[in-house]
Amino acid sequence: EKEFDFAATYSFVNTARMTTSGGRY
C-alpha cells in the first residue's frame, strides 16, 4: 500500500551490518 522504499524494505533482511555504515555514509 505505502510507497515502496527499497532501503527501508530490504534492510530488514537478516544479514550482518557494519555498525558504523550509517555514520560513514
mmCIF file of all heavy atoms, coordinates in Angstrom:
data_MODEL
# 
_entry.id   MODEL 
# 
loop_
_atom_site.group_PDB 
_atom_site.id 
_atom_site.type_symbol 
_atom_site.label_atom_id 
_atom_site.label_alt_id 
_atom_site.label_comp_id 
_atom_site.label_asym_id 
_atom_site.label_entity_id 
_atom_site.label_seq_id 
_atom_site.pdbx_PDB_ins_code 
_atom_site.Cartn_x 
_atom_site.Cartn_y 
_atom_site.Cartn_z 
_atom_site.occupancy 
_atom_site.B_iso_or_equiv 
_atom_site.pdbx_formal_charge 
_atom_site.auth_seq_id 
_atom_site.auth_comp_id 
_atom_site.auth_asym_id 
_atom_site.auth_atom_id 
_atom_site.pdbx_PDB_model_num 
ATOM 1   N N   . GLU A 1 1  ? 0.822  -1.216  0.000  1.00 0.00 ? 1  GLU A N   1 
ATOM 2   C CA  . GLU A 1 1  ? 0.000  0.000   0.000  1.00 0.00 ? 1  GLU A CA  1 
ATOM 3   C C   . GLU A 1 1  ? 0.854  1.263   0.000  1.00 0.00 ? 1  GLU A C   1 
ATOM 4   O O   . GLU A 1 1  ? 0.685  2.127   -0.847 1.00 0.00 ? 1  GLU A O   1 
ATOM 5   C CB  . GLU A 1 1  ? -0.921 0.010   1.229  1.00 0.00 ? 1  GLU A CB  1 
ATOM 6   C CG  . GLU A 1 1  ? -1.886 -1.153  1.277  1.00 0.00 ? 1  GLU A CG  1 
ATOM 7   C CD  . GLU A 1 1  ? -2.928 -1.115  0.176  1.00 0.00 ? 1  GLU A CD  1 
ATOM 8   O OE1 . GLU A 1 1  ? -3.392 -0.012  -0.169 1.00 0.00 ? 1  GLU A OE1 1 
ATOM 9   O OE2 . GLU A 1 1  ? -3.251 -2.194  -0.367 1.00 0.00 ? 1  GLU A OE2 1 
ATOM 10  N N   . LYS A 1 2  ? 1.754  1.362   0.966  1.00 0.00 ? 2  LYS A N   1 
ATOM 11  C CA  . LYS A 1 2  ? 2.572  2.576   1.042  1.00 0.00 ? 2  LYS A CA  1 
ATOM 12  C C   . LYS A 1 2  ? 3.633  2.562   -0.064 1.00 0.00 ? 2  LYS A C   1 
ATOM 13  O O   . LYS A 1 2  ? 3.915  1.521   -0.662 1.00 0.00 ? 2  LYS A O   1 
ATOM 14  C CB  . LYS A 1 2  ? 3.204  2.730   2.428  1.00 0.00 ? 2  LYS A CB  1 
ATOM 15  C CG  . LYS A 1 2  ? 4.170  1.648   2.802  1.00 0.00 ? 2  LYS A CG  1 
ATOM 16  C CD  . LYS A 1 2  ? 4.682  1.853   4.221  1.00 0.00 ? 2  LYS A CD  1 
ATOM 17  C CE  . LYS A 1 2  ? 5.524  0.662   4.598  1.00 0.00 ? 2  LYS A CE  1 
ATOM 18  N NZ  . LYS A 1 2  ? 5.867  0.598   5.975  1.00 0.00 ? 2  LYS A NZ  1 
ATOM 19  N N   . GLU A 1 3  ? 4.212  3.737   -0.315 1.00 0.00 ? 3  GLU A N   1 
ATOM 20  C CA  . GLU A 1 3  ? 5.230  3.852   -1.358 1.00 0.00 ? 3  GLU A CA  1 
ATOM 21  C C   . GLU A 1 3  ? 6.375  2.888   -1.069 1.00 0.00 ? 3  GLU A C   1 
ATOM 22  O O   . GLU A 1 3  ? 6.819  2.762   0.069  1.00 0.00 ? 3  GLU A O   1 
ATOM 23  C CB  . GLU A 1 3  ? 5.744  5.290   -1.423 1.00 0.00 ? 3  GLU A CB  1 
ATOM 24  C CG  . GLU A 1 3  ? 6.717  5.533   -2.544 1.00 0.00 ? 3  GLU A CG  1 
ATOM 25  C CD  . GLU A 1 3  ? 7.147  6.988   -2.666 1.00 0.00 ? 3  GLU A CD  1 
ATOM 26  O OE1 . GLU A 1 3  ? 7.113  7.713   -1.635 1.00 0.00 ? 3  GLU A OE1 1 
ATOM 27  O OE2 . GLU A 1 3  ? 7.497  7.390   -3.775 1.00 0.00 ? 3  GLU A OE2 1 
ATOM 28  N N   . PHE A 1 4  ? 6.838  2.208   -2.096 1.00 0.00 ? 4  PHE A N   1 
ATOM 29  C CA  . PHE A 1 4  ? 7.902  1.228   -1.920 1.00 0.00 ? 4  PHE A CA  1 
ATOM 30  C C   . PHE A 1 4  ? 9.239  1.936   -1.749 1.00 0.00 ? 4  PHE A C   1 
ATOM 31  O O   . PHE A 1 4  ? 9.628  2.772   -2.556 1.00 0.00 ? 4  PHE A O   1 
ATOM 32  C CB  . PHE A 1 4  ? 7.965  0.281   -3.127 1.00 0.00 ? 4  PHE A CB  1 
ATOM 33  C CG  . PHE A 1 4  ? 8.983  -0.806  -2.966 1.00 0.00 ? 4  PHE A CG  1 
ATOM 34  C CD1 . PHE A 1 4  ? 8.701  -1.924  -2.205 1.00 0.00 ? 4  PHE A CD1 1 
ATOM 35  C CD2 . PHE A 1 4  ? 10.231 -0.701  -3.563 1.00 0.00 ? 4  PHE A CD2 1 
ATOM 36  C CE1 . PHE A 1 4  ? 9.645  -2.928  -2.031 1.00 0.00 ? 4  PHE A CE1 1 
ATOM 37  C CE2 . PHE A 1 4  ? 11.182 -1.695  -3.400 1.00 0.00 ? 4  PHE A CE2 1 
ATOM 38  C CZ  . PHE A 1 4  ? 10.883 -2.810  -2.635 1.00 0.00 ? 4  PHE A CZ  1 
ATOM 39  N N   . ASP A 1 5  ? 9.944  1.596   -0.681 1.00 0.00 ? 5  ASP A N   1 
ATOM 40  C CA  . ASP A 1 5  ? 11.253 2.146   -0.352 1.00 0.00 ? 5  ASP A CA  1 
ATOM 41  C C   . ASP A 1 5  ? 12.214 0.954   -0.242 1.00 0.00 ? 5  ASP A C   1 
ATOM 42  O O   . ASP A 1 5  ? 12.129 0.175   0.705  1.00 0.00 ? 5  ASP A O   1 
ATOM 43  C CB  . ASP A 1 5  ? 11.154 2.910   0.966  1.00 0.00 ? 5  ASP A CB  1 
ATOM 44  C CG  . ASP A 1 5  ? 12.467 3.522   1.425  1.00 0.00 ? 5  ASP A CG  1 
ATOM 45  O OD1 . ASP A 1 5  ? 13.540 2.886   1.269  1.00 0.00 ? 5  ASP A OD1 1 
ATOM 46  O OD2 . ASP A 1 5  ? 12.428 4.635   1.975  1.00 0.00 ? 5  ASP A OD2 1 
ATOM 47  N N   . PHE A 1 6  ? 13.100 0.818   -1.210 1.00 0.00 ? 6  PHE A N   1 
ATOM 48  C CA  . PHE A 1 6  ? 13.986 -0.346  -1.254 1.00 0.00 ? 6  PHE A CA  1 
ATOM 49  C C   . PHE A 1 6  ? 14.840 -0.461  0.009  1.00 0.00 ? 6  PHE A C   1 
ATOM 50  O O   . PHE A 1 6  ? 14.907 -1.514  0.629  1.00 0.00 ? 6  PHE A O   1 
ATOM 51  C CB  . PHE A 1 6  ? 14.878 -0.289  -2.497 1.00 0.00 ? 6  PHE A CB  1 
ATOM 52  C CG  . PHE A 1 6  ? 15.872 -1.415  -2.582 1.00 0.00 ? 6  PHE A CG  1 
ATOM 53  C CD1 . PHE A 1 6  ? 15.450 -2.721  -2.783 1.00 0.00 ? 6  PHE A CD1 1 
ATOM 54  C CD2 . PHE A 1 6  ? 17.228 -1.171  -2.465 1.00 0.00 ? 6  PHE A CD2 1 
ATOM 55  C CE1 . PHE A 1 6  ? 16.361 -3.769  -2.859 1.00 0.00 ? 6  PHE A CE1 1 
ATOM 56  C CE2 . PHE A 1 6  ? 18.151 -2.209  -2.544 1.00 0.00 ? 6  PHE A CE2 1 
ATOM 57  C CZ  . PHE A 1 6  ? 17.715 -3.509  -2.743 1.00 0.00 ? 6  PHE A CZ  1 
ATOM 58  N N   . ALA A 1 7  ? 15.514 0.620   0.404  1.00 0.00 ? 7  ALA A N   1 
ATOM 59  C CA  . ALA A 1 7  ? 16.401 0.560   1.571  1.00 0.00 ? 7  ALA A CA  1 
ATOM 60  C C   . ALA A 1 7  ? 15.627 0.206   2.835  1.00 0.00 ? 7  ALA A C   1 
ATOM 61  O O   . ALA A 1 7  ? 16.052 -0.657  3.606  1.00 0.00 ? 7  ALA A O   1 
ATOM 62  C CB  . ALA A 1 7  ? 17.142 1.885   1.749  1.00 0.00 ? 7  ALA A CB  1 
ATOM 63  N N   . ALA A 1 8  ? 14.499 0.847   3.053  1.00 0.00 ? 8  ALA A N   1 
ATOM 64  C CA  . ALA A 1 8  ? 13.719 0.573   4.261  1.00 0.00 ? 8  ALA A CA  1 
ATOM 65  C C   . ALA A 1 8  ? 13.178 -0.851  4.251  1.00 0.00 ? 8  ALA A C   1 
ATOM 66  O O   . ALA A 1 8  ? 13.151 -1.511  5.292  1.00 0.00 ? 8  ALA A O   1 
ATOM 67  C CB  . ALA A 1 8  ? 12.573 1.568   4.376  1.00 0.00 ? 8  ALA A CB  1 
ATOM 68  N N   . THR A 1 9  ? 12.778 -1.342  3.095  1.00 0.00 ? 9  THR A N   1 
ATOM 69  C CA  . THR A 1 9  ? 12.169 -2.669  2.994  1.00 0.00 ? 9  THR A CA  1 
ATOM 70  C C   . THR A 1 9  ? 13.205 -3.781  3.087  1.00 0.00 ? 9  THR A C   1 
ATOM 71  O O   . THR A 1 9  ? 13.061 -4.707  3.886  1.00 0.00 ? 9  THR A O   1 
ATOM 72  C CB  . THR A 1 9  ? 11.392 -2.790  1.671  1.00 0.00 ? 9  THR A CB  1 
ATOM 73  O OG1 . THR A 1 9  ? 10.417 -1.745  1.617  1.00 0.00 ? 9  THR A OG1 1 
ATOM 74  C CG2 . THR A 1 9  ? 10.705 -4.134  1.562  1.00 0.00 ? 9  THR A CG2 1 
ATOM 75  N N   . TYR A 1 10 ? 14.264 -3.696  2.315  1.00 0.00 ? 10 TYR A N   1 
ATOM 76  C CA  . TYR A 1 10 ? 15.235 -4.789  2.243  1.00 0.00 ? 10 TYR A CA  1 
ATOM 77  C C   . TYR A 1 10 ? 16.327 -4.707  3.305  1.00 0.00 ? 10 TYR A C   1 
ATOM 78  O O   . TYR A 1 10 ? 17.083 -5.656  3.476  1.00 0.00 ? 10 TYR A O   1 
ATOM 79  C CB  . TYR A 1 10 ? 15.828 -4.888  0.840  1.00 0.00 ? 10 TYR A CB  1 
ATOM 80  C CG  . TYR A 1 10 ? 14.948 -5.710  -0.069 1.00 0.00 ? 10 TYR A CG  1 
ATOM 81  C CD1 . TYR A 1 10 ? 13.828 -5.167  -0.678 1.00 0.00 ? 10 TYR A CD1 1 
ATOM 82  C CD2 . TYR A 1 10 ? 15.217 -7.053  -0.291 1.00 0.00 ? 10 TYR A CD2 1 
ATOM 83  C CE1 . TYR A 1 10 ? 13.014 -5.926  -1.493 1.00 0.00 ? 10 TYR A CE1 1 
ATOM 84  C CE2 . TYR A 1 10 ? 14.411 -7.829  -1.108 1.00 0.00 ? 10 TYR A CE2 1 
ATOM 85  C CZ  . TYR A 1 10 ? 13.305 -7.258  -1.703 1.00 0.00 ? 10 TYR A CZ  1 
ATOM 86  O OH  . TYR A 1 10 ? 12.495 -8.033  -2.496 1.00 0.00 ? 10 TYR A OH  1 
ATOM 87  N N   . SER A 1 11 ? 16.394 -3.629  4.054  1.00 0.00 ? 11 SER A N   1 
ATOM 88  C CA  . SER A 1 11 ? 17.346 -3.564  5.163  1.00 0.00 ? 11 SER A CA  1 
ATOM 89  C C   . SER A 1 11 ? 16.944 -4.480  6.297  1.00 0.00 ? 11 SER A C   1 
ATOM 90  O O   . SER A 1 11 ? 17.740 -4.766  7.182  1.00 0.00 ? 11 SER A O   1 
ATOM 91  C CB  . SER A 1 11 ? 17.494 -2.128  5.678  1.00 0.00 ? 11 SER A CB  1 
ATOM 92  O OG  . SER A 1 11 ? 18.171 -1.349  4.726  1.00 0.00 ? 11 SER A OG  1 
ATOM 93  N N   . PHE A 1 12 ? 15.714 -4.957  6.286  1.00 0.00 ? 12 PHE A N   1 
ATOM 94  C CA  . PHE A 1 12 ? 15.263 -5.877  7.318  1.00 0.00 ? 12 PHE A CA  1 
ATOM 95  C C   . PHE A 1 12 ? 15.715 -7.302  7.053  1.00 0.00 ? 12 PHE A C   1 
ATOM 96  O O   . PHE A 1 12 ? 15.568 -8.159  7.896  1.00 0.00 ? 12 PHE A O   1 
ATOM 97  C CB  . PHE A 1 12 ? 13.736 -5.835  7.455  1.00 0.00 ? 12 PHE A CB  1 
ATOM 98  C CG  . PHE A 1 12 ? 13.255 -4.523  7.984  1.00 0.00 ? 12 PHE A CG  1 
ATOM 99  C CD1 . PHE A 1 12 ? 12.542 -3.656  7.182  1.00 0.00 ? 12 PHE A CD1 1 
ATOM 100 C CD2 . PHE A 1 12 ? 13.549 -4.134  9.282  1.00 0.00 ? 12 PHE A CD2 1 
ATOM 101 C CE1 . PHE A 1 12 ? 12.109 -2.435  7.676  1.00 0.00 ? 12 PHE A CE1 1 
ATOM 102 C CE2 . PHE A 1 12 ? 13.122 -2.909  9.776  1.00 0.00 ? 12 PHE A CE2 1 
ATOM 103 C CZ  . PHE A 1 12 ? 12.400 -2.058  8.972  1.00 0.00 ? 12 PHE A CZ  1 
ATOM 104 N N   . VAL A 1 13 ? 16.262 -7.576  5.867  1.00 0.00 ? 13 VAL A N   1 
ATOM 105 C CA  . VAL A 1 13 ? 16.760 -8.916  5.566  1.00 0.00 ? 13 VAL A CA  1 
ATOM 106 C C   . VAL A 1 13 ? 17.845 -9.241  6.581  1.00 0.00 ? 13 VAL A C   1 
ATOM 107 O O   . VAL A 1 13 ? 18.695 -8.408  6.893  1.00 0.00 ? 13 VAL A O   1 
ATOM 108 C CB  . VAL A 1 13 ? 17.300 -8.989  4.126  1.00 0.00 ? 13 VAL A CB  1 
ATOM 109 C CG1 . VAL A 1 13 ? 17.886 -10.352 3.832  1.00 0.00 ? 13 VAL A CG1 1 
ATOM 110 C CG2 . VAL A 1 13 ? 16.172 -8.681  3.144  1.00 0.00 ? 13 VAL A CG2 1 
ATOM 111 N N   . ASN A 1 14 ? 17.858 -10.433 7.100  1.00 0.00 ? 14 ASN A N   1 
ATOM 112 C CA  . ASN A 1 14 ? 18.758 -10.805 8.193  1.00 0.00 ? 14 ASN A CA  1 
ATOM 113 C C   . ASN A 1 14 ? 20.177 -11.055 7.689  1.00 0.00 ? 14 ASN A C   1 
ATOM 114 O O   . ASN A 1 14 ? 20.600 -12.176 7.527  1.00 0.00 ? 14 ASN A O   1 
ATOM 115 C CB  . ASN A 1 14 ? 18.219 -12.034 8.926  1.00 0.00 ? 14 ASN A CB  1 
ATOM 116 C CG  . ASN A 1 14 ? 19.002 -12.306 10.185 1.00 0.00 ? 14 ASN A CG  1 
ATOM 117 O OD1 . ASN A 1 14 ? 19.686 -11.435 10.698 1.00 0.00 ? 14 ASN A OD1 1 
ATOM 118 N ND2 . ASN A 1 14 ? 18.912 -13.524 10.670 1.00 0.00 ? 14 ASN A ND2 1 
ATOM 119 N N   . THR A 1 15 ? 20.902 -9.988  7.413  1.00 0.00 ? 15 THR A N   1 
ATOM 120 C CA  . THR A 1 15 ? 22.319 -10.079 7.070  1.00 0.00 ? 15 THR A CA  1 
ATOM 121 C C   . THR A 1 15 ? 23.084 -9.200  8.042  1.00 0.00 ? 15 THR A C   1 
ATOM 122 O O   . THR A 1 15 ? 22.551 -8.228  8.563  1.00 0.00 ? 15 THR A O   1 
ATOM 123 C CB  . THR A 1 15 ? 22.601 -9.595  5.629  1.00 0.00 ? 15 THR A CB  1 
ATOM 124 O OG1 . THR A 1 15 ? 22.147 -8.252  5.507  1.00 0.00 ? 15 THR A OG1 1 
ATOM 125 C CG2 . THR A 1 15 ? 21.904 -10.472 4.611  1.00 0.00 ? 15 THR A CG2 1 
ATOM 126 N N   . ALA A 1 16 ? 24.312 -9.545  8.288  1.00 0.00 ? 16 ALA A N   1 
ATOM 127 C CA  . ALA A 1 16 ? 25.133 -8.750  9.207  1.00 0.00 ? 16 ALA A CA  1 
ATOM 128 C C   . ALA A 1 16 ? 25.325 -7.355  8.630  1.00 0.00 ? 16 ALA A C   1 
ATOM 129 O O   . ALA A 1 16 ? 25.460 -7.181  7.428  1.00 0.00 ? 16 ALA A O   1 
ATOM 130 C CB  . ALA A 1 16 ? 26.478 -9.433  9.406  1.00 0.00 ? 16 ALA A CB  1 
ATOM 131 N N   . ARG A 1 17 ? 25.325 -6.378  9.453  1.00 0.00 ? 17 ARG A N   1 
ATOM 132 C CA  . ARG A 1 17 ? 25.531 -4.989  9.047  1.00 0.00 ? 17 ARG A CA  1 
ATOM 133 C C   . ARG A 1 17 ? 26.714 -4.422  9.815  1.00 0.00 ? 17 ARG A C   1 
ATOM 134 O O   . ARG A 1 17 ? 26.907 -4.721  10.982 1.00 0.00 ? 17 ARG A O   1 
ATOM 135 C CB  . ARG A 1 17 ? 24.304 -4.140  9.376  1.00 0.00 ? 17 ARG A CB  1 
ATOM 136 C CG  . ARG A 1 17 ? 23.124 -4.492  8.538  1.00 0.00 ? 17 ARG A CG  1 
ATOM 137 C CD  . ARG A 1 17 ? 23.187 -3.669  7.265  1.00 0.00 ? 17 ARG A CD  1 
ATOM 138 N NE  . ARG A 1 17 ? 22.104 -4.074  6.405  1.00 0.00 ? 17 ARG A NE  1 
ATOM 139 C CZ  . ARG A 1 17 ? 22.251 -4.308  5.134  1.00 0.00 ? 17 ARG A CZ  1 
ATOM 140 N NH1 . ARG A 1 17 ? 23.415 -4.187  4.560  1.00 0.00 ? 17 ARG A NH1 1 
ATOM 141 N NH2 . ARG A 1 17 ? 21.234 -4.649  4.400  1.00 0.00 ? 17 ARG A NH2 1 
ATOM 142 N N   . MET A 1 18 ? 27.456 -3.598  9.138  1.00 0.00 ? 18 MET A N   1 
ATOM 143 C CA  . MET A 1 18 ? 28.533 -2.908  9.830  1.00 0.00 ? 18 MET A CA  1 
ATOM 144 C C   . MET A 1 18 ? 27.903 -1.804  10.660 1.00 0.00 ? 18 MET A C   1 
ATOM 145 O O   . MET A 1 18 ? 27.143 -1.002  10.138 1.00 0.00 ? 18 MET A O   1 
ATOM 146 C CB  . MET A 1 18 ? 29.516 -2.332  8.821  1.00 0.00 ? 18 MET A CB  1 
ATOM 147 C CG  . MET A 1 18 ? 30.150 -3.405  7.959  1.00 0.00 ? 18 MET A CG  1 
ATOM 148 S SD  . MET A 1 18 ? 31.303 -2.721  6.800  1.00 0.00 ? 18 MET A SD  1 
ATOM 149 C CE  . MET A 1 18 ? 32.736 -2.680  7.822  1.00 0.00 ? 18 MET A CE  1 
ATOM 150 N N   . THR A 1 19 ? 28.196 -1.781  11.927 1.00 0.00 ? 19 THR A N   1 
ATOM 151 C CA  . THR A 1 19 ? 27.515 -0.849  12.822 1.00 0.00 ? 19 THR A CA  1 
ATOM 152 C C   . THR A 1 19 ? 27.834 0.607   12.511 1.00 0.00 ? 19 THR A C   1 
ATOM 153 O O   . THR A 1 19 ? 27.054 1.486   12.843 1.00 0.00 ? 19 THR A O   1 
ATOM 154 C CB  . THR A 1 19 ? 27.883 -1.136  14.289 1.00 0.00 ? 19 THR A CB  1 
ATOM 155 O OG1 . THR A 1 19 ? 29.307 -1.038  14.429 1.00 0.00 ? 19 THR A OG1 1 
ATOM 156 C CG2 . THR A 1 19 ? 27.419 -2.506  14.719 1.00 0.00 ? 19 THR A CG2 1 
ATOM 157 N N   . THR A 1 20 ? 28.929 0.867   11.863 1.00 0.00 ? 20 THR A N   1 
ATOM 158 C CA  . THR A 1 20 ? 29.292 2.255   11.568 1.00 0.00 ? 20 THR A CA  1 
ATOM 159 C C   . THR A 1 20 ? 28.884 2.690   10.167 1.00 0.00 ? 20 THR A C   1 
ATOM 160 O O   . THR A 1 20 ? 29.168 3.799   9.769  1.00 0.00 ? 20 THR A O   1 
ATOM 161 C CB  . THR A 1 20 ? 30.813 2.456   11.707 1.00 0.00 ? 20 THR A CB  1 
ATOM 162 O OG1 . THR A 1 20 ? 31.473 1.592   10.797 1.00 0.00 ? 20 THR A OG1 1 
ATOM 163 C CG2 . THR A 1 20 ? 31.281 2.199   13.123 1.00 0.00 ? 20 THR A CG2 1 
ATOM 164 N N   . SER A 1 21 ? 28.227 1.825   9.395  1.00 0.00 ? 21 SER A N   1 
ATOM 165 C CA  . SER A 1 21 ? 27.963 2.164   7.999  1.00 0.00 ? 21 SER A CA  1 
ATOM 166 C C   . SER A 1 21 ? 27.098 3.407   7.859  1.00 0.00 ? 21 SER A C   1 
ATOM 167 O O   . SER A 1 21 ? 27.313 4.216   6.973  1.00 0.00 ? 21 SER A O   1 
ATOM 168 C CB  . SER A 1 21 ? 27.341 0.985   7.257  1.00 0.00 ? 21 SER A CB  1 
ATOM 169 O OG  . SER A 1 21 ? 26.083 0.660   7.806  1.00 0.00 ? 21 SER A OG  1 
ATOM 170 N N   . GLY A 1 22 ? 26.088 3.587   8.723  1.00 0.00 ? 22 GLY A N   1 
ATOM 171 C CA  . GLY A 1 22 ? 25.253 4.777   8.636  1.00 0.00 ? 22 GLY A CA  1 
ATOM 172 C C   . GLY A 1 22 ? 26.058 6.042   8.811  1.00 0.00 ? 22 GLY A C   1 
ATOM 173 O O   . GLY A 1 22 ? 25.887 7.003   8.070  1.00 0.00 ? 22 GLY A O   1 
ATOM 174 N N   . GLY A 1 23 ? 26.948 6.036   9.788  1.00 0.00 ? 23 GLY A N   1 
ATOM 175 C CA  . GLY A 1 23 ? 27.806 7.194   10.014 1.00 0.00 ? 23 GLY A CA  1 
ATOM 176 C C   . GLY A 1 23 ? 28.747 7.436   8.860  1.00 0.00 ? 23 GLY A C   1 
ATOM 177 O O   . GLY A 1 23 ? 28.939 8.577   8.435  1.00 0.00 ? 23 GLY A O   1 
ATOM 178 N N   . ARG A 1 24 ? 29.336 6.380   8.343  1.00 0.00 ? 24 ARG A N   1 
ATOM 179 C CA  . ARG A 1 24 ? 30.250 6.515   7.202  1.00 0.00 ? 24 ARG A CA  1 
ATOM 180 C C   . ARG A 1 24 ? 29.519 7.080   5.991  1.00 0.00 ? 24 ARG A C   1 
ATOM 181 O O   . ARG A 1 24 ? 30.031 7.940   5.284  1.00 0.00 ? 24 ARG A O   1 
ATOM 182 C CB  . ARG A 1 24 ? 30.867 5.162   6.834  1.00 0.00 ? 24 ARG A CB  1 
ATOM 183 C CG  . ARG A 1 24 ? 31.850 4.650   7.852  1.00 0.00 ? 24 ARG A CG  1 
ATOM 184 C CD  . ARG A 1 24 ? 32.368 3.283   7.463  1.00 0.00 ? 24 ARG A CD  1 
ATOM 185 N NE  . ARG A 1 24 ? 33.237 3.390   6.311  1.00 0.00 ? 24 ARG A NE  1 
ATOM 186 C CZ  . ARG A 1 24 ? 33.261 2.527   5.298  1.00 0.00 ? 24 ARG A CZ  1 
ATOM 187 N NH1 . ARG A 1 24 ? 32.461 1.495   5.283  1.00 0.00 ? 24 ARG A NH1 1 
ATOM 188 N NH2 . ARG A 1 24 ? 34.094 2.688   4.302  1.00 0.00 ? 24 ARG A NH2 1 
ATOM 189 N N   . TYR A 1 25 ? 28.327 6.575   5.734  1.00 0.00 ? 25 TYR A N   1 
ATOM 190 C CA  . TYR A 1 25 ? 27.536 7.046   4.595  1.00 0.00 ? 25 TYR A CA  1 
ATOM 191 C C   . TYR A 1 25 ? 27.242 8.537   4.736  1.00 0.00 ? 25 TYR A C   1 
ATOM 192 O O   . TYR A 1 25 ? 27.468 9.311   3.814  1.00 0.00 ? 25 TYR A O   1 
ATOM 193 C CB  . TYR A 1 25 ? 26.240 6.243   4.485  1.00 0.00 ? 25 TYR A CB  1 
ATOM 194 C CG  . TYR A 1 25 ? 25.343 6.733   3.380  1.00 0.00 ? 25 TYR A CG  1 
ATOM 195 C CD1 . TYR A 1 25 ? 25.588 6.369   2.054  1.00 0.00 ? 25 TYR A CD1 1 
ATOM 196 C CD2 . TYR A 1 25 ? 24.277 7.583   3.648  1.00 0.00 ? 25 TYR A CD2 1 
ATOM 197 C CE1 . TYR A 1 25 ? 24.779 6.834   1.034  1.00 0.00 ? 25 TYR A CE1 1 
ATOM 198 C CE2 . TYR A 1 25 ? 23.470 8.054   2.636  1.00 0.00 ? 25 TYR A CE2 1 
ATOM 199 C CZ  . TYR A 1 25 ? 23.720 7.680   1.329  1.00 0.00 ? 25 TYR A CZ  1 
ATOM 200 O OH  . TYR A 1 25 ? 22.925 8.159   0.315  1.00 0.00 ? 25 TYR A OH  1 
# 
